[in-house]
Amino acid sequence: MVYPFLRCFVLFFLQLILSVSPADARMLEGRVVGVRDGDTIELLDAGRELHVIRLAHIDTPEKNQPYGNKAKQFVSSLVYGKTVSIEVTDRDRYGRLIGVVYIGGTNVNLQLVRQGYAWWYREYSRDVSYGRSELDAFERQRGLWADSRPVPPWEWRRKKRAAS
């Protein structure tokens, strides 16, 4: 009888460890002054420094892809012109900061997945809450999941590179 309890405790503890940000994570606050696409925003901090932020854990449709503009509009409606907090976790190969965007207590990145405007970017994320939210959006056919054959943006980009 103790074994199932211990197993649940260990699984919970592992999930907690995997979802914690790296030790070098830092918080950044500022006003969103631009939304480039569904998963990239521009933030002006208190020192008037401009930061380009790539939203962590997710990938949204490209601009020319179905739901690309809707993803951008959704992000804009949540954060444009507003003060947000960013939990910065890394920097990508293009020099953008990677992070989780919060407005109040709301995780914007997770909201994109919940509403069907983004995929959980499994290749770069271990946070299974995004996977659960993606599954829920799929089952409820929210956003891009209403499409009969949604194409993940990483496949879209690969096909586009192969064609050129």
N, C-alpha and C. Protein backbone atom coordinates (compact mmCIF):
# COMPACT_ATOMS: atom_id res chain seq x y z
N MET A 1 0.81 -1.20 0.00
CA MET A 1 0.00 0.00 0.00
C MET A 1 0.86 1.27 0.00
N VAL A 2 2.03 1.21 0.57
CA VAL A 2 2.93 2.35 0.61
C VAL A 2 3.53 2.61 -0.77
N TYR A 3 3.77 1.55 -1.54
CA TYR A 3 4.41 1.67 -2.84
C TYR A 3 3.66 2.62 -3.79
N PRO A 4 2.33 2.51 -3.98
CA PRO A 4 1.65 3.45 -4.88
C PRO A 4 1.78 4.90 -4.42
N PHE A 5 1.73 5.13 -3.12
CA PHE A 5 1.89 6.48 -2.60
C PHE A 5 3.29 7.01 -2.92
N LEU A 6 4.29 6.17 -2.67
CA LEU A 6 5.68 6.56 -2.91
C LEU A 6 5.90 6.83 -4.40
N ARG A 7 5.33 5.99 -5.24
CA ARG A 7 5.46 6.17 -6.68
C ARG A 7 4.86 7.50 -7.12
N CYS A 8 3.66 7.82 -6.62
CA CYS A 8 3.01 9.09 -6.95
C CYS A 8 3.86 10.27 -6.47
N PHE A 9 4.41 10.15 -5.28
CA PHE A 9 5.25 11.21 -4.73
C PHE A 9 6.48 11.42 -5.61
N VAL A 10 7.14 10.35 -6.01
CA VAL A 10 8.34 10.45 -6.85
C VAL A 10 7.99 11.07 -8.20
N LEU A 11 6.89 10.64 -8.82
CA LEU A 11 6.48 11.20 -10.11
C LEU A 11 6.18 12.69 -9.99
N PHE A 12 5.49 13.07 -8.92
CA PHE A 12 5.19 14.49 -8.69
C PHE A 12 6.48 15.28 -8.53
N PHE A 13 7.41 14.76 -7.73
CA PHE A 13 8.68 15.43 -7.49
C PHE A 13 9.48 15.58 -8.79
N LEU A 14 9.51 14.54 -9.62
CA LEU A 14 10.23 14.62 -10.89
C LEU A 14 9.62 15.67 -11.81
N GLN A 15 8.29 15.70 -11.86
CA GLN A 15 7.62 16.68 -12.71
C GLN A 15 7.94 18.09 -12.21
N LEU A 16 7.96 18.26 -10.91
CA LEU A 16 8.27 19.56 -10.33
C LEU A 16 9.68 19.99 -10.71
N ILE A 17 10.63 19.08 -10.61
CA ILE A 17 12.02 19.39 -10.95
C ILE A 17 12.15 19.74 -12.43
N LEU A 18 11.49 18.97 -13.31
CA LEU A 18 11.61 19.21 -14.75
C LEU A 18 10.95 20.51 -15.18
N SER A 19 9.94 20.97 -14.43
CA SER A 19 9.25 22.19 -14.83
C SER A 19 9.88 23.44 -14.25
N VAL A 20 10.82 23.30 -13.32
CA VAL A 20 11.49 24.45 -12.74
C VAL A 20 12.47 25.02 -13.75
N SER A 21 12.53 26.32 -13.82
CA SER A 21 13.43 26.97 -14.76
C SER A 21 14.88 26.80 -14.33
N PRO A 22 15.80 26.93 -15.27
CA PRO A 22 17.21 26.82 -14.92
C PRO A 22 17.61 27.86 -13.89
N ALA A 23 18.70 27.61 -13.21
CA ALA A 23 19.17 28.51 -12.16
C ALA A 23 19.48 29.90 -12.69
N ASP A 24 19.82 29.99 -13.99
CA ASP A 24 20.16 31.29 -14.54
C ASP A 24 18.94 32.06 -15.04
N ALA A 25 17.75 31.55 -14.79
CA ALA A 25 16.54 32.26 -15.20
C ALA A 25 16.46 33.59 -14.45
N ARG A 26 15.92 34.60 -15.13
CA ARG A 26 15.77 35.89 -14.49
C ARG A 26 14.45 36.50 -14.92
N MET A 27 13.98 37.43 -14.14
CA MET A 27 12.74 38.11 -14.46
C MET A 27 13.05 39.44 -15.13
N LEU A 28 12.23 39.76 -16.11
CA LEU A 28 12.35 41.01 -16.84
C LEU A 28 10.96 41.59 -16.93
N GLU A 29 10.83 42.87 -16.67
CA GLU A 29 9.53 43.52 -16.77
C GLU A 29 9.60 44.68 -17.75
N GLY A 30 8.48 44.95 -18.38
CA GLY A 30 8.41 46.07 -19.30
C GLY A 30 7.09 46.10 -20.03
N ARG A 31 7.01 47.03 -20.97
CA ARG A 31 5.78 47.21 -21.75
C ARG A 31 5.98 46.61 -23.13
N VAL A 32 4.99 45.87 -23.58
CA VAL A 32 5.04 45.26 -24.91
C VAL A 32 4.76 46.35 -25.93
N VAL A 33 5.76 46.60 -26.80
CA VAL A 33 5.64 47.66 -27.80
C VAL A 33 5.51 47.10 -29.21
N GLY A 34 5.61 45.78 -29.34
CA GLY A 34 5.46 45.17 -30.64
C GLY A 34 5.16 43.69 -30.54
N VAL A 35 4.39 43.20 -31.49
CA VAL A 35 4.12 41.77 -31.61
C VAL A 35 4.50 41.40 -33.04
N ARG A 36 5.60 40.68 -33.16
CA ARG A 36 6.10 40.33 -34.49
C ARG A 36 5.29 39.21 -35.12
N ASP A 37 4.95 38.23 -34.31
CA ASP A 37 4.11 37.12 -34.74
C ASP A 37 3.56 36.46 -33.49
N GLY A 38 2.97 35.29 -33.63
CA GLY A 38 2.32 34.65 -32.49
C GLY A 38 3.23 34.25 -31.36
N ASP A 39 4.52 34.09 -31.64
CA ASP A 39 5.41 33.66 -30.57
C ASP A 39 6.64 34.56 -30.38
N THR A 40 6.57 35.78 -30.88
CA THR A 40 7.67 36.73 -30.71
C THR A 40 7.13 38.12 -30.44
N ILE A 41 7.58 38.71 -29.33
CA ILE A 41 7.14 40.06 -28.96
C ILE A 41 8.35 40.95 -28.74
N GLU A 42 8.09 42.26 -28.71
CA GLU A 42 9.13 43.25 -28.40
C GLU A 42 8.74 43.92 -27.09
N LEU A 43 9.71 44.01 -26.18
CA LEU A 43 9.47 44.53 -24.84
C LEU A 43 10.41 45.70 -24.58
N LEU A 44 9.87 46.80 -24.07
CA LEU A 44 10.67 47.95 -23.68
C LEU A 44 10.73 47.96 -22.16
N ASP A 45 11.95 47.81 -21.61
CA ASP A 45 12.07 47.75 -20.15
C ASP A 45 12.16 49.14 -19.55
N ALA A 46 12.26 49.23 -18.23
CA ALA A 46 12.28 50.51 -17.51
C ALA A 46 13.48 51.36 -17.92
N GLY A 47 14.57 50.73 -18.32
CA GLY A 47 15.76 51.46 -18.77
C GLY A 47 15.68 51.86 -20.23
N ARG A 48 14.52 51.67 -20.86
CA ARG A 48 14.26 51.98 -22.27
C ARG A 48 15.06 51.13 -23.22
N GLU A 49 15.43 49.93 -22.77
CA GLU A 49 16.12 48.98 -23.64
C GLU A 49 15.08 48.08 -24.30
N LEU A 50 15.23 47.88 -25.59
CA LEU A 50 14.30 47.03 -26.34
C LEU A 50 14.80 45.59 -26.34
N HIS A 51 13.92 44.66 -26.00
CA HIS A 51 14.24 43.23 -25.98
C HIS A 51 13.29 42.50 -26.92
N VAL A 52 13.83 41.60 -27.71
CA VAL A 52 12.99 40.72 -28.53
C VAL A 52 12.87 39.42 -27.76
N ILE A 53 11.64 39.01 -27.52
CA ILE A 53 11.35 37.83 -26.70
C ILE A 53 10.68 36.77 -27.55
N ARG A 54 11.27 35.58 -27.57
CA ARG A 54 10.67 34.40 -28.22
C ARG A 54 9.99 33.62 -27.11
N LEU A 55 8.70 33.35 -27.25
CA LEU A 55 7.94 32.66 -26.21
C LEU A 55 8.41 31.21 -26.08
N ALA A 56 8.74 30.82 -24.87
CA ALA A 56 9.26 29.48 -24.58
C ALA A 56 8.16 28.44 -24.65
N HIS A 57 8.53 27.21 -24.89
CA HIS A 57 7.69 26.01 -24.84
C HIS A 57 6.71 25.86 -25.99
N ILE A 58 6.59 26.87 -26.86
CA ILE A 58 5.54 26.82 -27.88
C ILE A 58 6.09 27.17 -29.26
N ASP A 59 5.31 26.84 -30.27
CA ASP A 59 5.57 27.26 -31.64
C ASP A 59 4.22 27.56 -32.28
N THR A 60 4.08 28.75 -32.82
CA THR A 60 2.82 29.14 -33.44
C THR A 60 2.94 29.06 -34.95
N PRO A 61 1.81 28.99 -35.63
CA PRO A 61 1.84 28.96 -37.10
C PRO A 61 2.56 30.19 -37.65
N GLU A 62 3.26 29.99 -38.77
CA GLU A 62 3.94 31.09 -39.45
C GLU A 62 2.90 32.06 -40.02
N LYS A 63 3.33 33.27 -40.34
CA LYS A 63 2.41 34.31 -40.82
C LYS A 63 1.60 33.87 -42.04
N ASN A 64 2.23 33.16 -42.98
CA ASN A 64 1.55 32.73 -44.20
C ASN A 64 0.81 31.41 -44.03
N GLN A 65 0.84 30.87 -42.86
CA GLN A 65 0.21 29.59 -42.56
C GLN A 65 -1.19 29.84 -41.99
N PRO A 66 -2.13 28.92 -42.20
CA PRO A 66 -3.44 29.08 -41.56
C PRO A 66 -3.26 29.27 -40.04
N TYR A 67 -4.00 30.20 -39.48
CA TYR A 67 -4.00 30.55 -38.06
C TYR A 67 -2.79 31.36 -37.63
N GLY A 68 -1.88 31.67 -38.54
CA GLY A 68 -0.73 32.50 -38.19
C GLY A 68 -1.13 33.90 -37.76
N ASN A 69 -2.00 34.53 -38.54
CA ASN A 69 -2.48 35.87 -38.18
C ASN A 69 -3.37 35.84 -36.95
N LYS A 70 -4.16 34.79 -36.82
CA LYS A 70 -5.03 34.69 -35.63
C LYS A 70 -4.20 34.54 -34.35
N ALA A 71 -3.10 33.79 -34.44
CA ALA A 71 -2.21 33.64 -33.27
C ALA A 71 -1.62 34.99 -32.91
N LYS A 72 -1.19 35.74 -33.90
CA LYS A 72 -0.62 37.07 -33.66
C LYS A 72 -1.67 37.99 -33.04
N GLN A 73 -2.88 37.96 -33.57
CA GLN A 73 -3.96 38.80 -33.04
C GLN A 73 -4.30 38.43 -31.61
N PHE A 74 -4.29 37.13 -31.31
CA PHE A 74 -4.59 36.67 -29.95
C PHE A 74 -3.54 37.19 -28.97
N VAL A 75 -2.26 37.05 -29.32
CA VAL A 75 -1.19 37.55 -28.46
C VAL A 75 -1.32 39.06 -28.29
N SER A 76 -1.57 39.76 -29.38
CA SER A 76 -1.73 41.22 -29.32
C SER A 76 -2.85 41.61 -28.38
N SER A 77 -3.96 40.90 -28.45
CA SER A 77 -5.10 41.25 -27.59
C SER A 77 -4.78 41.05 -26.10
N LEU A 78 -3.87 40.14 -25.81
CA LEU A 78 -3.51 39.88 -24.42
C LEU A 78 -2.45 40.84 -23.89
N VAL A 79 -1.45 41.19 -24.72
CA VAL A 79 -0.27 41.88 -24.16
C VAL A 79 0.11 43.21 -24.78
N TYR A 80 -0.34 43.52 -25.99
CA TYR A 80 0.16 44.73 -26.65
C TYR A 80 -0.18 45.99 -25.83
N GLY A 81 0.85 46.80 -25.59
CA GLY A 81 0.68 48.05 -24.86
C GLY A 81 0.59 47.86 -23.35
N LYS A 82 0.72 46.64 -22.89
CA LYS A 82 0.57 46.35 -21.47
C LYS A 82 1.91 46.01 -20.84
N THR A 83 1.97 46.16 -19.53
CA THR A 83 3.16 45.79 -18.78
C THR A 83 3.09 44.31 -18.45
N VAL A 84 4.16 43.59 -18.77
CA VAL A 84 4.22 42.15 -18.55
C VAL A 84 5.52 41.81 -17.82
N SER A 85 5.55 40.61 -17.29
CA SER A 85 6.77 40.05 -16.70
C SER A 85 7.20 38.88 -17.57
N ILE A 86 8.49 38.77 -17.76
CA ILE A 86 9.04 37.68 -18.56
C ILE A 86 9.98 36.87 -17.67
N GLU A 87 9.76 35.58 -17.61
CA GLU A 87 10.72 34.69 -16.96
C GLU A 87 11.68 34.24 -18.06
N VAL A 88 12.82 34.88 -18.13
CA VAL A 88 13.80 34.61 -19.18
C VAL A 88 14.56 33.33 -18.82
N THR A 89 14.57 32.38 -19.74
CA THR A 89 15.23 31.10 -19.47
C THR A 89 16.44 30.83 -20.34
N ASP A 90 16.55 31.55 -21.48
CA ASP A 90 17.64 31.25 -22.40
C ASP A 90 17.73 32.33 -23.46
N ARG A 91 18.63 32.14 -24.40
CA ARG A 91 18.77 32.99 -25.57
C ARG A 91 18.89 32.06 -26.77
N ASP A 92 18.20 32.38 -27.87
CA ASP A 92 18.26 31.49 -29.04
C ASP A 92 19.38 31.88 -29.98
N ARG A 93 19.52 31.12 -31.06
CA ARG A 93 20.62 31.34 -32.00
C ARG A 93 20.51 32.67 -32.75
N TYR A 94 19.35 33.30 -32.71
CA TYR A 94 19.15 34.59 -33.36
C TYR A 94 19.37 35.76 -32.39
N GLY A 95 19.73 35.43 -31.14
CA GLY A 95 19.97 36.46 -30.14
C GLY A 95 18.75 36.89 -29.35
N ARG A 96 17.60 36.31 -29.66
CA ARG A 96 16.39 36.66 -28.93
C ARG A 96 16.42 36.01 -27.55
N LEU A 97 15.82 36.70 -26.58
CA LEU A 97 15.63 36.08 -25.27
C LEU A 97 14.47 35.11 -25.38
N ILE A 98 14.56 34.00 -24.68
CA ILE A 98 13.48 33.02 -24.65
C ILE A 98 12.88 33.06 -23.26
N GLY A 99 11.55 33.14 -23.19
CA GLY A 99 10.95 33.21 -21.88
C GLY A 99 9.46 32.98 -21.87
N VAL A 100 8.96 32.91 -20.65
CA VAL A 100 7.53 32.75 -20.41
C VAL A 100 6.98 34.13 -20.07
N VAL A 101 5.93 34.53 -20.76
CA VAL A 101 5.32 35.84 -20.58
C VAL A 101 4.15 35.72 -19.62
N TYR A 102 4.13 36.62 -18.63
CA TYR A 102 3.04 36.66 -17.66
C TYR A 102 2.42 38.04 -17.68
N ILE A 103 1.09 38.06 -17.67
CA ILE A 103 0.36 39.30 -17.46
C ILE A 103 -0.55 39.04 -16.28
N GLY A 104 -0.30 39.76 -15.20
CA GLY A 104 -0.96 39.40 -13.94
C GLY A 104 -0.47 38.01 -13.56
N GLY A 105 -1.38 37.13 -13.26
CA GLY A 105 -1.00 35.76 -12.95
C GLY A 105 -1.17 34.81 -14.12
N THR A 106 -1.44 35.34 -15.31
CA THR A 106 -1.72 34.52 -16.47
C THR A 106 -0.47 34.23 -17.28
N ASN A 107 -0.24 32.95 -17.56
CA ASN A 107 0.86 32.50 -18.41
C ASN A 107 0.38 32.61 -19.87
N VAL A 108 0.86 33.60 -20.57
CA VAL A 108 0.43 33.87 -21.95
C VAL A 108 0.81 32.72 -22.87
N ASN A 109 2.01 32.17 -22.70
CA ASN A 109 2.46 31.07 -23.55
C ASN A 109 1.48 29.90 -23.46
N LEU A 110 1.10 29.56 -22.24
CA LEU A 110 0.18 28.45 -22.02
C LEU A 110 -1.21 28.77 -22.57
N GLN A 111 -1.63 30.02 -22.48
CA GLN A 111 -2.93 30.41 -23.03
C GLN A 111 -2.99 30.22 -24.54
N LEU A 112 -1.87 30.47 -25.22
CA LEU A 112 -1.84 30.25 -26.67
C LEU A 112 -2.11 28.78 -27.00
N VAL A 113 -1.53 27.89 -26.23
CA VAL A 113 -1.74 26.46 -26.47
C VAL A 113 -3.17 26.09 -26.10
N ARG A 114 -3.64 26.56 -24.96
CA ARG A 114 -5.01 26.22 -24.51
C ARG A 114 -6.08 26.65 -25.50
N GLN A 115 -5.86 27.78 -26.15
CA GLN A 115 -6.86 28.29 -27.08
C GLN A 115 -6.67 27.78 -28.51
N GLY A 116 -5.65 26.94 -28.71
CA GLY A 116 -5.45 26.33 -30.02
C GLY A 116 -4.73 27.20 -31.02
N TYR A 117 -3.90 28.13 -30.52
CA TYR A 117 -3.13 28.98 -31.42
C TYR A 117 -1.65 28.62 -31.45
N ALA A 118 -1.27 27.55 -30.74
CA ALA A 118 0.14 27.15 -30.71
C ALA A 118 0.25 25.67 -30.42
N TRP A 119 1.37 25.11 -30.86
CA TRP A 119 1.74 23.74 -30.54
C TRP A 119 2.68 23.77 -29.34
N TRP A 120 2.66 22.71 -28.57
CA TRP A 120 3.69 22.49 -27.56
C TRP A 120 4.95 22.14 -28.34
N TYR A 121 6.03 22.86 -28.14
CA TYR A 121 7.28 22.65 -28.88
C TYR A 121 8.11 21.61 -28.15
N ARG A 122 7.71 20.35 -28.32
CA ARG A 122 8.30 19.22 -27.59
C ARG A 122 9.82 19.13 -27.70
N GLU A 123 10.34 19.54 -28.86
CA GLU A 123 11.78 19.45 -29.08
C GLU A 123 12.57 20.32 -28.11
N TYR A 124 11.94 21.41 -27.63
CA TYR A 124 12.64 22.35 -26.77
C TYR A 124 12.01 22.51 -25.39
N SER A 125 11.01 21.72 -25.07
CA SER A 125 10.32 21.88 -23.79
C SER A 125 10.04 20.53 -23.13
N ARG A 126 10.24 20.51 -21.84
CA ARG A 126 9.90 19.31 -21.07
C ARG A 126 8.69 19.54 -20.17
N ASP A 127 8.10 20.71 -20.27
CA ASP A 127 6.97 21.06 -19.40
C ASP A 127 5.68 20.42 -19.94
N VAL A 128 5.27 19.34 -19.29
CA VAL A 128 4.14 18.55 -19.78
C VAL A 128 2.80 19.27 -19.64
N SER A 129 2.74 20.37 -18.88
CA SER A 129 1.48 21.10 -18.80
C SER A 129 1.09 21.65 -20.17
N TYR A 130 2.08 21.93 -21.01
CA TYR A 130 1.79 22.38 -22.37
C TYR A 130 1.23 21.23 -23.20
N GLY A 131 1.74 20.03 -22.97
CA GLY A 131 1.22 18.85 -23.66
C GLY A 131 -0.23 18.56 -23.28
N ARG A 132 -0.52 18.68 -21.99
CA ARG A 132 -1.91 18.47 -21.54
C ARG A 132 -2.84 19.52 -22.13
N SER A 133 -2.37 20.76 -22.19
CA SER A 133 -3.20 21.83 -22.75
C SER A 133 -3.40 21.65 -24.25
N GLU A 134 -2.36 21.17 -24.94
CA GLU A 134 -2.49 20.91 -26.37
C GLU A 134 -3.52 19.80 -26.61
N LEU A 135 -3.45 18.75 -25.83
CA LEU A 135 -4.40 17.65 -25.97
C LEU A 135 -5.83 18.12 -25.74
N ASP A 136 -6.02 18.96 -24.73
CA ASP A 136 -7.35 19.50 -24.44
C ASP A 136 -7.85 20.34 -25.61
N ALA A 137 -6.99 21.20 -26.15
CA ALA A 137 -7.39 22.04 -27.29
C ALA A 137 -7.73 21.17 -28.50
N PHE A 138 -6.94 20.11 -28.72
CA PHE A 138 -7.20 19.17 -29.81
C PHE A 138 -8.56 18.50 -29.64
N GLU A 139 -8.81 17.98 -28.44
CA GLU A 139 -10.07 17.29 -28.18
C GLU A 139 -11.28 18.21 -28.33
N ARG A 140 -11.12 19.46 -27.99
CA ARG A 140 -12.22 20.44 -28.10
C ARG A 140 -12.22 21.16 -29.45
N GLN A 141 -11.26 20.81 -30.31
CA GLN A 141 -11.11 21.40 -31.64
C GLN A 141 -11.07 22.92 -31.60
N ARG A 142 -10.27 23.44 -30.71
CA ARG A 142 -10.10 24.89 -30.58
C ARG A 142 -9.05 25.37 -31.58
N GLY A 143 -9.29 26.56 -32.10
CA GLY A 143 -8.31 27.22 -32.95
C GLY A 143 -7.87 26.35 -34.11
N LEU A 144 -6.56 26.19 -34.26
CA LEU A 144 -6.01 25.45 -35.40
C LEU A 144 -6.44 23.99 -35.42
N TRP A 145 -6.89 23.47 -34.28
CA TRP A 145 -7.32 22.07 -34.22
C TRP A 145 -8.69 21.87 -34.87
N ALA A 146 -9.36 22.97 -35.26
CA ALA A 146 -10.61 22.85 -36.03
C ALA A 146 -10.29 22.50 -37.49
N ASP A 147 -9.06 22.75 -37.89
CA ASP A 147 -8.60 22.41 -39.24
C ASP A 147 -8.49 20.89 -39.34
N SER A 148 -8.84 20.33 -40.48
CA SER A 148 -8.79 18.87 -40.62
C SER A 148 -7.36 18.32 -40.64
N ARG A 149 -6.41 19.12 -41.10
CA ARG A 149 -5.01 18.68 -41.16
C ARG A 149 -4.06 19.83 -40.81
N PRO A 150 -4.01 20.24 -39.56
CA PRO A 150 -3.09 21.33 -39.22
C PRO A 150 -1.63 20.88 -39.40
N VAL A 151 -0.83 21.76 -39.96
CA VAL A 151 0.58 21.46 -40.21
C VAL A 151 1.42 22.19 -39.17
N PRO A 152 2.20 21.46 -38.38
CA PRO A 152 3.06 22.13 -37.40
C PRO A 152 4.03 23.08 -38.10
N PRO A 153 4.32 24.22 -37.49
CA PRO A 153 5.18 25.21 -38.14
C PRO A 153 6.58 24.70 -38.45
N TRP A 154 7.12 23.80 -37.65
CA TRP A 154 8.47 23.28 -37.94
C TRP A 154 8.44 22.46 -39.23
N GLU A 155 7.33 21.77 -39.53
CA GLU A 155 7.20 21.04 -40.80
C GLU A 155 7.00 22.03 -41.95
N TRP A 156 6.20 23.05 -41.71
CA TRP A 156 5.95 24.09 -42.70
C TRP A 156 7.27 24.74 -43.12
N ARG A 157 8.11 25.10 -42.14
CA ARG A 157 9.40 25.72 -42.42
C ARG A 157 10.33 24.75 -43.17
N ARG A 158 10.33 23.49 -42.78
CA ARG A 158 11.17 22.50 -43.44
C ARG A 158 10.79 22.37 -44.92
N LYS A 159 9.49 22.29 -45.21
CA LYS A 159 9.03 22.17 -46.59
C LYS A 159 9.38 23.41 -47.40
N LYS A 160 9.26 24.57 -46.76
CA LYS A 160 9.56 25.83 -47.44
C LYS A 160 11.06 25.89 -47.78
N ARG A 161 11.92 25.46 -46.85
CA ARG A 161 13.37 25.45 -47.12
C ARG A 161 13.71 24.47 -48.23
N ALA A 162 13.07 23.31 -48.23
CA ALA A 162 13.33 22.29 -49.24
C ALA A 162 12.90 22.76 -50.63
N ALA A 163 11.85 23.56 -50.69
CA ALA A 163 11.34 24.05 -51.98
C ALA A 163 12.23 25.14 -52.56
N SER A 164 13.00 25.81 -51.72
CA SER A 164 13.83 26.92 -52.24
C SER A 164 15.26 26.55 -52.47
